N, C-alpha and C. Protein backbone atom coordinates (compact mmCIF):
# COMPACT_ATOMS: atom_id res chain seq x y z
N MET A 1 -12.15 9.05 7.36
CA MET A 1 -11.02 8.86 6.47
C MET A 1 -10.17 10.13 6.48
N LYS A 2 -8.87 9.94 6.60
CA LYS A 2 -7.96 11.08 6.62
C LYS A 2 -7.84 11.70 5.22
N LYS A 3 -7.63 13.00 5.21
CA LYS A 3 -7.39 13.69 3.94
C LYS A 3 -6.03 13.24 3.40
N ARG A 4 -6.00 12.96 2.11
CA ARG A 4 -4.75 12.52 1.49
C ARG A 4 -3.72 13.64 1.52
N SER A 5 -2.52 13.27 1.88
CA SER A 5 -1.44 14.24 1.92
C SER A 5 -0.77 14.35 0.55
N PHE A 6 0.09 15.32 0.43
CA PHE A 6 0.90 15.48 -0.78
C PHE A 6 1.67 14.20 -1.06
N TRP A 7 2.25 13.59 -0.01
CA TRP A 7 3.05 12.37 -0.16
C TRP A 7 2.19 11.20 -0.61
N THR A 8 0.99 11.12 -0.10
CA THR A 8 0.08 10.04 -0.49
C THR A 8 -0.32 10.20 -1.95
N THR A 9 -0.56 11.43 -2.36
CA THR A 9 -0.92 11.69 -3.75
C THR A 9 0.23 11.28 -4.68
N LEU A 10 1.45 11.56 -4.29
CA LEU A 10 2.60 11.13 -5.10
C LEU A 10 2.73 9.61 -5.11
N ALA A 11 2.62 8.99 -3.95
CA ALA A 11 2.82 7.53 -3.84
C ALA A 11 1.74 6.75 -4.57
N THR A 12 0.54 7.32 -4.69
CA THR A 12 -0.56 6.64 -5.38
C THR A 12 -0.70 7.12 -6.83
N LEU A 13 0.17 8.02 -7.24
CA LEU A 13 0.07 8.67 -8.56
C LEU A 13 -1.32 9.26 -8.76
N GLY A 14 -1.74 9.97 -7.71
CA GLY A 14 -3.07 10.60 -7.75
C GLY A 14 -4.15 9.53 -7.77
N PRO A 15 -5.01 9.55 -8.76
CA PRO A 15 -6.12 8.59 -8.79
C PRO A 15 -5.71 7.19 -9.27
N ILE A 16 -4.54 7.04 -9.83
CA ILE A 16 -4.13 5.75 -10.42
C ILE A 16 -4.14 4.64 -9.38
N GLY A 17 -3.71 4.93 -8.18
CA GLY A 17 -3.67 3.92 -7.13
C GLY A 17 -5.04 3.42 -6.70
N TYR A 18 -6.08 4.12 -7.10
CA TYR A 18 -7.43 3.75 -6.69
C TYR A 18 -8.25 3.17 -7.84
N THR A 19 -7.59 2.84 -8.94
CA THR A 19 -8.27 2.25 -10.09
C THR A 19 -8.28 0.73 -9.95
N ILE A 20 -8.94 0.08 -10.88
CA ILE A 20 -8.88 -1.39 -10.95
C ILE A 20 -7.48 -1.75 -11.44
N ALA A 21 -6.87 -2.75 -10.83
CA ALA A 21 -5.50 -3.19 -11.18
C ALA A 21 -4.52 -2.02 -11.13
N PRO A 22 -4.39 -1.38 -9.97
CA PRO A 22 -3.56 -0.17 -9.89
C PRO A 22 -2.08 -0.41 -10.23
N GLY A 23 -1.53 -1.56 -9.86
CA GLY A 23 -0.13 -1.85 -10.19
C GLY A 23 0.10 -1.94 -11.68
N THR A 24 -0.82 -2.60 -12.36
CA THR A 24 -0.72 -2.72 -13.81
C THR A 24 -0.91 -1.36 -14.48
N MET A 25 -1.87 -0.59 -13.99
CA MET A 25 -2.10 0.75 -14.55
C MET A 25 -0.86 1.63 -14.38
N ALA A 26 -0.24 1.58 -13.21
CA ALA A 26 0.96 2.39 -12.97
C ALA A 26 2.10 1.95 -13.88
N THR A 27 2.22 0.65 -14.09
CA THR A 27 3.27 0.14 -14.97
C THR A 27 3.03 0.60 -16.40
N VAL A 28 1.80 0.50 -16.87
CA VAL A 28 1.46 0.94 -18.23
C VAL A 28 1.77 2.43 -18.40
N LEU A 29 1.41 3.23 -17.41
CA LEU A 29 1.67 4.67 -17.50
C LEU A 29 3.15 5.01 -17.41
N THR A 30 3.94 4.14 -16.81
CA THR A 30 5.38 4.37 -16.70
C THR A 30 6.12 4.02 -17.98
N LEU A 31 5.57 3.12 -18.78
CA LEU A 31 6.27 2.64 -19.98
C LEU A 31 6.67 3.75 -20.95
N PRO A 32 5.81 4.72 -21.29
CA PRO A 32 6.26 5.78 -22.20
C PRO A 32 7.44 6.59 -21.64
N PHE A 33 7.41 6.85 -20.34
CA PHE A 33 8.52 7.57 -19.70
C PHE A 33 9.80 6.76 -19.79
N VAL A 34 9.71 5.46 -19.51
CA VAL A 34 10.89 4.59 -19.58
C VAL A 34 11.39 4.49 -21.01
N TYR A 35 10.49 4.40 -21.96
CA TYR A 35 10.88 4.35 -23.37
C TYR A 35 11.63 5.62 -23.75
N TRP A 36 11.10 6.76 -23.33
CA TRP A 36 11.77 8.04 -23.60
C TRP A 36 13.16 8.06 -22.96
N MET A 37 13.24 7.56 -21.71
CA MET A 37 14.55 7.53 -21.03
C MET A 37 15.53 6.63 -21.78
N ARG A 38 15.07 5.47 -22.25
CA ARG A 38 15.95 4.54 -22.97
C ARG A 38 16.48 5.17 -24.24
N LEU A 39 15.65 5.99 -24.91
CA LEU A 39 16.09 6.66 -26.13
C LEU A 39 16.97 7.86 -25.83
N SER A 40 16.69 8.57 -24.75
CA SER A 40 17.38 9.82 -24.44
C SER A 40 18.70 9.62 -23.71
N ILE A 41 18.74 8.66 -22.83
CA ILE A 41 19.93 8.47 -21.99
C ILE A 41 20.72 7.29 -22.54
N GLN A 42 21.74 7.60 -23.31
CA GLN A 42 22.54 6.56 -23.93
C GLN A 42 23.54 5.93 -22.96
N ASP A 43 23.98 6.71 -22.00
CA ASP A 43 24.96 6.24 -21.03
C ASP A 43 24.25 5.50 -19.90
N GLU A 44 24.55 4.23 -19.74
CA GLU A 44 23.89 3.42 -18.71
C GLU A 44 24.18 3.95 -17.31
N TRP A 45 25.32 4.58 -17.12
CA TRP A 45 25.65 5.16 -15.82
C TRP A 45 24.62 6.23 -15.43
N HIS A 46 24.25 7.07 -16.37
CA HIS A 46 23.26 8.12 -16.10
C HIS A 46 21.89 7.50 -15.80
N TYR A 47 21.54 6.45 -16.53
CA TYR A 47 20.27 5.77 -16.27
C TYR A 47 20.28 5.17 -14.87
N ALA A 48 21.40 4.59 -14.46
CA ALA A 48 21.53 4.01 -13.12
C ALA A 48 21.39 5.09 -12.05
N VAL A 49 21.98 6.25 -12.29
CA VAL A 49 21.86 7.36 -11.34
C VAL A 49 20.39 7.79 -11.22
N MET A 50 19.69 7.83 -12.35
CA MET A 50 18.26 8.18 -12.32
C MET A 50 17.48 7.16 -11.49
N ILE A 51 17.82 5.89 -11.61
CA ILE A 51 17.14 4.85 -10.83
C ILE A 51 17.39 5.05 -9.34
N VAL A 52 18.63 5.33 -8.98
CA VAL A 52 18.96 5.54 -7.56
C VAL A 52 18.22 6.76 -7.02
N LEU A 53 18.22 7.84 -7.77
CA LEU A 53 17.51 9.05 -7.32
C LEU A 53 16.01 8.79 -7.20
N PHE A 54 15.45 8.03 -8.15
CA PHE A 54 14.03 7.72 -8.09
C PHE A 54 13.74 6.80 -6.91
N PHE A 55 14.66 5.89 -6.60
CA PHE A 55 14.49 5.03 -5.42
C PHE A 55 14.39 5.86 -4.15
N VAL A 56 15.32 6.80 -3.98
CA VAL A 56 15.33 7.65 -2.78
C VAL A 56 14.04 8.47 -2.71
N PHE A 57 13.66 9.09 -3.82
CA PHE A 57 12.43 9.87 -3.87
C PHE A 57 11.21 9.00 -3.53
N SER A 58 11.13 7.82 -4.14
CA SER A 58 10.01 6.91 -3.90
C SER A 58 9.97 6.44 -2.46
N PHE A 59 11.12 6.12 -1.91
CA PHE A 59 11.19 5.65 -0.53
C PHE A 59 10.62 6.70 0.42
N ILE A 60 11.01 7.95 0.23
CA ILE A 60 10.52 9.03 1.07
C ILE A 60 9.01 9.18 0.92
N CYS A 61 8.53 9.19 -0.32
CA CYS A 61 7.08 9.32 -0.56
C CYS A 61 6.31 8.18 0.08
N VAL A 62 6.77 6.96 -0.13
CA VAL A 62 6.05 5.78 0.39
C VAL A 62 6.07 5.77 1.91
N GLU A 63 7.22 6.05 2.49
CA GLU A 63 7.32 6.04 3.96
C GLU A 63 6.34 7.04 4.57
N ARG A 64 6.25 8.22 3.98
CA ARG A 64 5.34 9.23 4.51
C ARG A 64 3.88 8.92 4.19
N ALA A 65 3.63 8.30 3.05
CA ALA A 65 2.26 7.98 2.65
C ALA A 65 1.68 6.83 3.48
N LEU A 66 2.51 5.98 4.02
CA LEU A 66 2.02 4.84 4.79
C LEU A 66 1.20 5.25 6.01
N THR A 67 1.39 6.46 6.51
CA THR A 67 0.60 6.92 7.64
C THR A 67 -0.89 7.06 7.26
N TYR A 68 -1.17 7.19 5.98
CA TYR A 68 -2.55 7.28 5.50
C TYR A 68 -3.22 5.91 5.47
N PHE A 69 -2.43 4.84 5.51
CA PHE A 69 -2.93 3.47 5.41
C PHE A 69 -2.56 2.68 6.67
N PRO A 70 -3.10 3.05 7.83
CA PRO A 70 -2.71 2.38 9.08
C PRO A 70 -3.08 0.89 9.05
N GLY A 71 -2.15 0.07 9.52
CA GLY A 71 -2.37 -1.37 9.61
C GLY A 71 -2.15 -2.12 8.31
N GLN A 72 -1.82 -1.45 7.23
CA GLN A 72 -1.56 -2.12 5.96
C GLN A 72 -0.07 -2.12 5.67
N ARG A 73 0.47 -3.30 5.43
CA ARG A 73 1.91 -3.40 5.14
C ARG A 73 2.25 -2.93 3.73
N ASP A 74 1.45 -3.35 2.75
CA ASP A 74 1.71 -2.99 1.35
C ASP A 74 0.38 -2.63 0.69
N PRO A 75 -0.12 -1.42 0.94
CA PRO A 75 -1.40 -1.02 0.36
C PRO A 75 -1.36 -1.04 -1.17
N SER A 76 -2.36 -1.62 -1.78
CA SER A 76 -2.38 -1.72 -3.25
C SER A 76 -2.48 -0.33 -3.90
N ALA A 77 -2.96 0.65 -3.17
CA ALA A 77 -3.08 2.00 -3.73
C ALA A 77 -1.71 2.66 -3.94
N ILE A 78 -0.72 2.26 -3.18
CA ILE A 78 0.63 2.81 -3.37
C ILE A 78 1.26 2.12 -4.56
N VAL A 79 1.50 2.88 -5.61
CA VAL A 79 1.98 2.31 -6.87
C VAL A 79 3.31 2.89 -7.35
N LEU A 80 3.89 3.79 -6.59
CA LEU A 80 5.17 4.36 -6.99
C LEU A 80 6.25 3.27 -7.06
N ASP A 81 6.09 2.23 -6.25
CA ASP A 81 7.03 1.11 -6.28
C ASP A 81 6.98 0.36 -7.60
N GLU A 82 5.82 0.29 -8.24
CA GLU A 82 5.72 -0.33 -9.58
C GLU A 82 6.49 0.48 -10.60
N CYS A 83 6.45 1.79 -10.46
CA CYS A 83 7.22 2.65 -11.38
C CYS A 83 8.71 2.37 -11.25
N LEU A 84 9.18 2.23 -10.03
CA LEU A 84 10.59 1.91 -9.80
C LEU A 84 10.93 0.53 -10.37
N GLY A 85 10.07 -0.45 -10.13
CA GLY A 85 10.30 -1.78 -10.69
C GLY A 85 10.37 -1.76 -12.21
N THR A 86 9.56 -0.92 -12.83
CA THR A 86 9.56 -0.79 -14.29
C THR A 86 10.87 -0.17 -14.77
N LEU A 87 11.34 0.86 -14.07
CA LEU A 87 12.64 1.45 -14.42
C LEU A 87 13.75 0.40 -14.35
N LEU A 88 13.74 -0.41 -13.31
CA LEU A 88 14.75 -1.45 -13.15
C LEU A 88 14.62 -2.52 -14.24
N THR A 89 13.40 -2.85 -14.59
CA THR A 89 13.16 -3.87 -15.62
C THR A 89 13.89 -3.53 -16.91
N PHE A 90 13.88 -2.27 -17.30
CA PHE A 90 14.40 -1.90 -18.61
C PHE A 90 15.79 -1.28 -18.57
N TYR A 91 16.49 -1.44 -17.46
CA TYR A 91 17.88 -0.96 -17.39
C TYR A 91 18.71 -1.73 -18.42
N SER A 92 19.36 -1.02 -19.30
CA SER A 92 20.26 -1.59 -20.30
C SER A 92 19.54 -2.57 -21.25
N VAL A 93 18.27 -2.31 -21.49
CA VAL A 93 17.47 -3.13 -22.41
C VAL A 93 17.20 -2.30 -23.66
N SER A 94 17.30 -2.93 -24.80
CA SER A 94 17.06 -2.27 -26.08
C SER A 94 15.66 -1.69 -26.13
N PRO A 95 15.51 -0.42 -26.55
CA PRO A 95 14.19 0.21 -26.57
C PRO A 95 13.39 -0.17 -27.82
N HIS A 96 13.12 -1.46 -27.97
CA HIS A 96 12.29 -1.94 -29.07
C HIS A 96 10.98 -2.47 -28.51
N LEU A 97 9.95 -2.38 -29.28
CA LEU A 97 8.61 -2.76 -28.85
C LEU A 97 8.57 -4.19 -28.29
N GLN A 98 9.24 -5.12 -28.95
CA GLN A 98 9.19 -6.51 -28.49
C GLN A 98 9.70 -6.65 -27.06
N TRP A 99 10.77 -5.96 -26.73
CA TRP A 99 11.34 -6.08 -25.38
C TRP A 99 10.46 -5.37 -24.36
N PHE A 100 9.76 -4.32 -24.79
CA PHE A 100 8.85 -3.64 -23.87
C PHE A 100 7.61 -4.48 -23.59
N ILE A 101 7.13 -5.17 -24.60
CA ILE A 101 5.99 -6.06 -24.39
C ILE A 101 6.38 -7.22 -23.49
N ILE A 102 7.49 -7.86 -23.82
CA ILE A 102 7.96 -9.00 -23.01
C ILE A 102 8.27 -8.54 -21.59
N GLY A 103 8.97 -7.41 -21.46
CA GLY A 103 9.34 -6.90 -20.14
C GLY A 103 8.12 -6.56 -19.31
N PHE A 104 7.14 -5.92 -19.92
CA PHE A 104 5.91 -5.58 -19.21
C PHE A 104 5.22 -6.84 -18.69
N LEU A 105 5.03 -7.82 -19.57
CA LEU A 105 4.34 -9.05 -19.18
C LEU A 105 5.13 -9.82 -18.11
N LEU A 106 6.44 -9.90 -18.27
CA LEU A 106 7.26 -10.59 -17.27
C LEU A 106 7.24 -9.88 -15.92
N PHE A 107 7.42 -8.57 -15.95
CA PHE A 107 7.44 -7.82 -14.70
C PHE A 107 6.13 -7.96 -13.94
N ARG A 108 5.01 -7.80 -14.64
CA ARG A 108 3.72 -7.91 -13.95
C ARG A 108 3.50 -9.32 -13.41
N THR A 109 3.90 -10.33 -14.19
CA THR A 109 3.75 -11.72 -13.74
C THR A 109 4.59 -11.97 -12.50
N ILE A 110 5.85 -11.56 -12.54
CA ILE A 110 6.74 -11.78 -11.40
C ILE A 110 6.27 -10.96 -10.20
N ASP A 111 5.83 -9.74 -10.44
CA ASP A 111 5.36 -8.90 -9.34
C ASP A 111 4.11 -9.49 -8.68
N ILE A 112 3.24 -10.09 -9.46
CA ILE A 112 2.02 -10.68 -8.91
C ILE A 112 2.31 -12.01 -8.21
N LEU A 113 3.09 -12.87 -8.86
CA LEU A 113 3.36 -14.21 -8.29
C LEU A 113 4.41 -14.19 -7.17
N LYS A 114 5.35 -13.26 -7.26
CA LYS A 114 6.42 -13.11 -6.27
C LYS A 114 7.15 -14.43 -5.99
N PRO A 115 7.79 -15.00 -7.02
CA PRO A 115 8.50 -16.27 -6.83
C PRO A 115 9.84 -16.09 -6.11
N PHE A 116 10.49 -17.20 -5.80
CA PHE A 116 11.85 -17.22 -5.24
C PHE A 116 11.98 -16.42 -3.95
N GLY A 117 10.97 -16.45 -3.13
CA GLY A 117 11.04 -15.78 -1.84
C GLY A 117 10.81 -14.28 -1.88
N ILE A 118 10.47 -13.74 -3.03
CA ILE A 118 10.22 -12.29 -3.13
C ILE A 118 9.08 -11.89 -2.21
N ARG A 119 8.09 -12.77 -2.04
CA ARG A 119 6.95 -12.46 -1.19
C ARG A 119 7.38 -12.14 0.25
N LYS A 120 8.46 -12.73 0.72
CA LYS A 120 8.92 -12.49 2.09
C LYS A 120 9.31 -11.03 2.31
N CYS A 121 9.65 -10.34 1.25
CA CYS A 121 10.02 -8.92 1.37
C CYS A 121 8.86 -8.08 1.90
N GLU A 122 7.64 -8.50 1.61
CA GLU A 122 6.47 -7.75 2.08
C GLU A 122 6.36 -7.75 3.60
N MET A 123 7.06 -8.64 4.26
CA MET A 123 7.01 -8.70 5.71
C MET A 123 7.90 -7.64 6.37
N LEU A 124 8.74 -6.99 5.58
CA LEU A 124 9.59 -5.94 6.13
C LEU A 124 8.73 -4.75 6.54
N ILE A 125 9.23 -3.97 7.44
CA ILE A 125 8.50 -2.84 8.00
C ILE A 125 8.65 -1.60 7.12
N GLY A 126 7.56 -0.85 7.01
CA GLY A 126 7.59 0.45 6.35
C GLY A 126 7.79 0.38 4.85
N ALA A 127 8.46 1.40 4.33
CA ALA A 127 8.67 1.51 2.88
C ALA A 127 9.49 0.34 2.34
N TRP A 128 10.35 -0.24 3.17
CA TRP A 128 11.13 -1.40 2.70
C TRP A 128 10.20 -2.53 2.28
N GLY A 129 9.19 -2.81 3.06
CA GLY A 129 8.24 -3.87 2.75
C GLY A 129 7.40 -3.59 1.52
N VAL A 130 7.13 -2.32 1.27
CA VAL A 130 6.34 -1.93 0.10
C VAL A 130 7.19 -2.01 -1.16
N MET A 131 8.43 -1.55 -1.08
CA MET A 131 9.23 -1.35 -2.27
C MET A 131 10.12 -2.52 -2.68
N LEU A 132 10.62 -3.26 -1.72
CA LEU A 132 11.65 -4.25 -2.05
C LEU A 132 11.14 -5.36 -2.96
N ASP A 133 9.88 -5.78 -2.81
CA ASP A 133 9.37 -6.83 -3.69
C ASP A 133 9.33 -6.37 -5.14
N ASP A 134 9.01 -5.09 -5.37
CA ASP A 134 9.00 -4.57 -6.74
C ASP A 134 10.41 -4.35 -7.27
N VAL A 135 11.33 -3.97 -6.40
CA VAL A 135 12.72 -3.85 -6.80
C VAL A 135 13.25 -5.21 -7.25
N LEU A 136 13.00 -6.24 -6.46
CA LEU A 136 13.48 -7.58 -6.82
C LEU A 136 12.78 -8.11 -8.06
N ALA A 137 11.48 -7.83 -8.20
CA ALA A 137 10.77 -8.26 -9.41
C ALA A 137 11.37 -7.57 -10.64
N GLY A 138 11.70 -6.30 -10.52
CA GLY A 138 12.33 -5.57 -11.63
C GLY A 138 13.70 -6.10 -11.96
N VAL A 139 14.49 -6.40 -10.94
CA VAL A 139 15.84 -6.94 -11.17
C VAL A 139 15.76 -8.32 -11.82
N LEU A 140 14.88 -9.18 -11.30
CA LEU A 140 14.72 -10.52 -11.87
C LEU A 140 14.24 -10.44 -13.32
N THR A 141 13.29 -9.58 -13.59
CA THR A 141 12.82 -9.39 -14.96
C THR A 141 13.94 -8.90 -15.85
N ASN A 142 14.74 -7.97 -15.35
CA ASN A 142 15.86 -7.45 -16.13
C ASN A 142 16.86 -8.55 -16.46
N ILE A 143 17.16 -9.40 -15.51
CA ILE A 143 18.09 -10.51 -15.76
C ILE A 143 17.54 -11.42 -16.87
N ILE A 144 16.26 -11.74 -16.78
CA ILE A 144 15.64 -12.59 -17.81
C ILE A 144 15.69 -11.90 -19.18
N LEU A 145 15.39 -10.60 -19.20
CA LEU A 145 15.46 -9.86 -20.47
C LEU A 145 16.87 -9.82 -21.03
N GLN A 146 17.85 -9.59 -20.16
CA GLN A 146 19.24 -9.54 -20.61
C GLN A 146 19.66 -10.87 -21.23
N LEU A 147 19.32 -11.97 -20.56
CA LEU A 147 19.66 -13.29 -21.09
C LEU A 147 18.91 -13.57 -22.39
N SER A 148 17.65 -13.20 -22.44
CA SER A 148 16.84 -13.42 -23.66
C SER A 148 17.39 -12.60 -24.82
N TYR A 149 17.75 -11.38 -24.55
CA TYR A 149 18.27 -10.49 -25.59
C TYR A 149 19.55 -11.05 -26.20
N ARG A 150 20.37 -11.64 -25.35
CA ARG A 150 21.66 -12.15 -25.82
C ARG A 150 21.57 -13.53 -26.47
N TYR A 151 20.62 -14.36 -26.03
CA TYR A 151 20.64 -15.76 -26.45
C TYR A 151 19.42 -16.24 -27.22
N LEU A 152 18.38 -15.43 -27.34
CA LEU A 152 17.20 -15.85 -28.11
C LEU A 152 17.08 -15.01 -29.37
N PRO A 153 16.57 -15.62 -30.43
CA PRO A 153 16.37 -14.84 -31.66
C PRO A 153 15.24 -13.83 -31.49
N VAL A 154 15.22 -12.84 -32.33
CA VAL A 154 14.15 -11.84 -32.33
C VAL A 154 12.84 -12.55 -32.70
N ILE A 155 11.79 -12.34 -31.92
CA ILE A 155 10.56 -13.06 -32.15
C ILE A 155 9.46 -12.20 -32.76
N PHE A 156 9.68 -10.91 -32.89
CA PHE A 156 8.67 -10.05 -33.50
C PHE A 156 9.21 -9.46 -34.78
């Protein structure tokens, strides 16, 4: 087994990628950071810039970390893509507990089931195949949250 590189450690969030349900664990650990960002960054433009910068950073980490996982298209240990999906999920979403609970459950469900052709993204080569399914799951979850926020009554 190859020694884990700096990039692999970042892409797996250290030991998190090697736990039971690593995608869910990474999402749970990302939620406090996202909550802090939602409270701290009032301007959606700045939040969008943070997402773009995190995408570029994640893409580089994942692309370089994939050399540690030869023959695997989307290694479950790489969880930085879940963090990005979580950031996308809560773009322009009210930082209230109810929306974080709903968003978390929706994102994990969509990320696991990969409906509407999202699963086909895993067939892409390299970091694109690892990241794009989580990006689309985050965007789809965000759309559902946006519509729910505008058209459904508060349920908590």
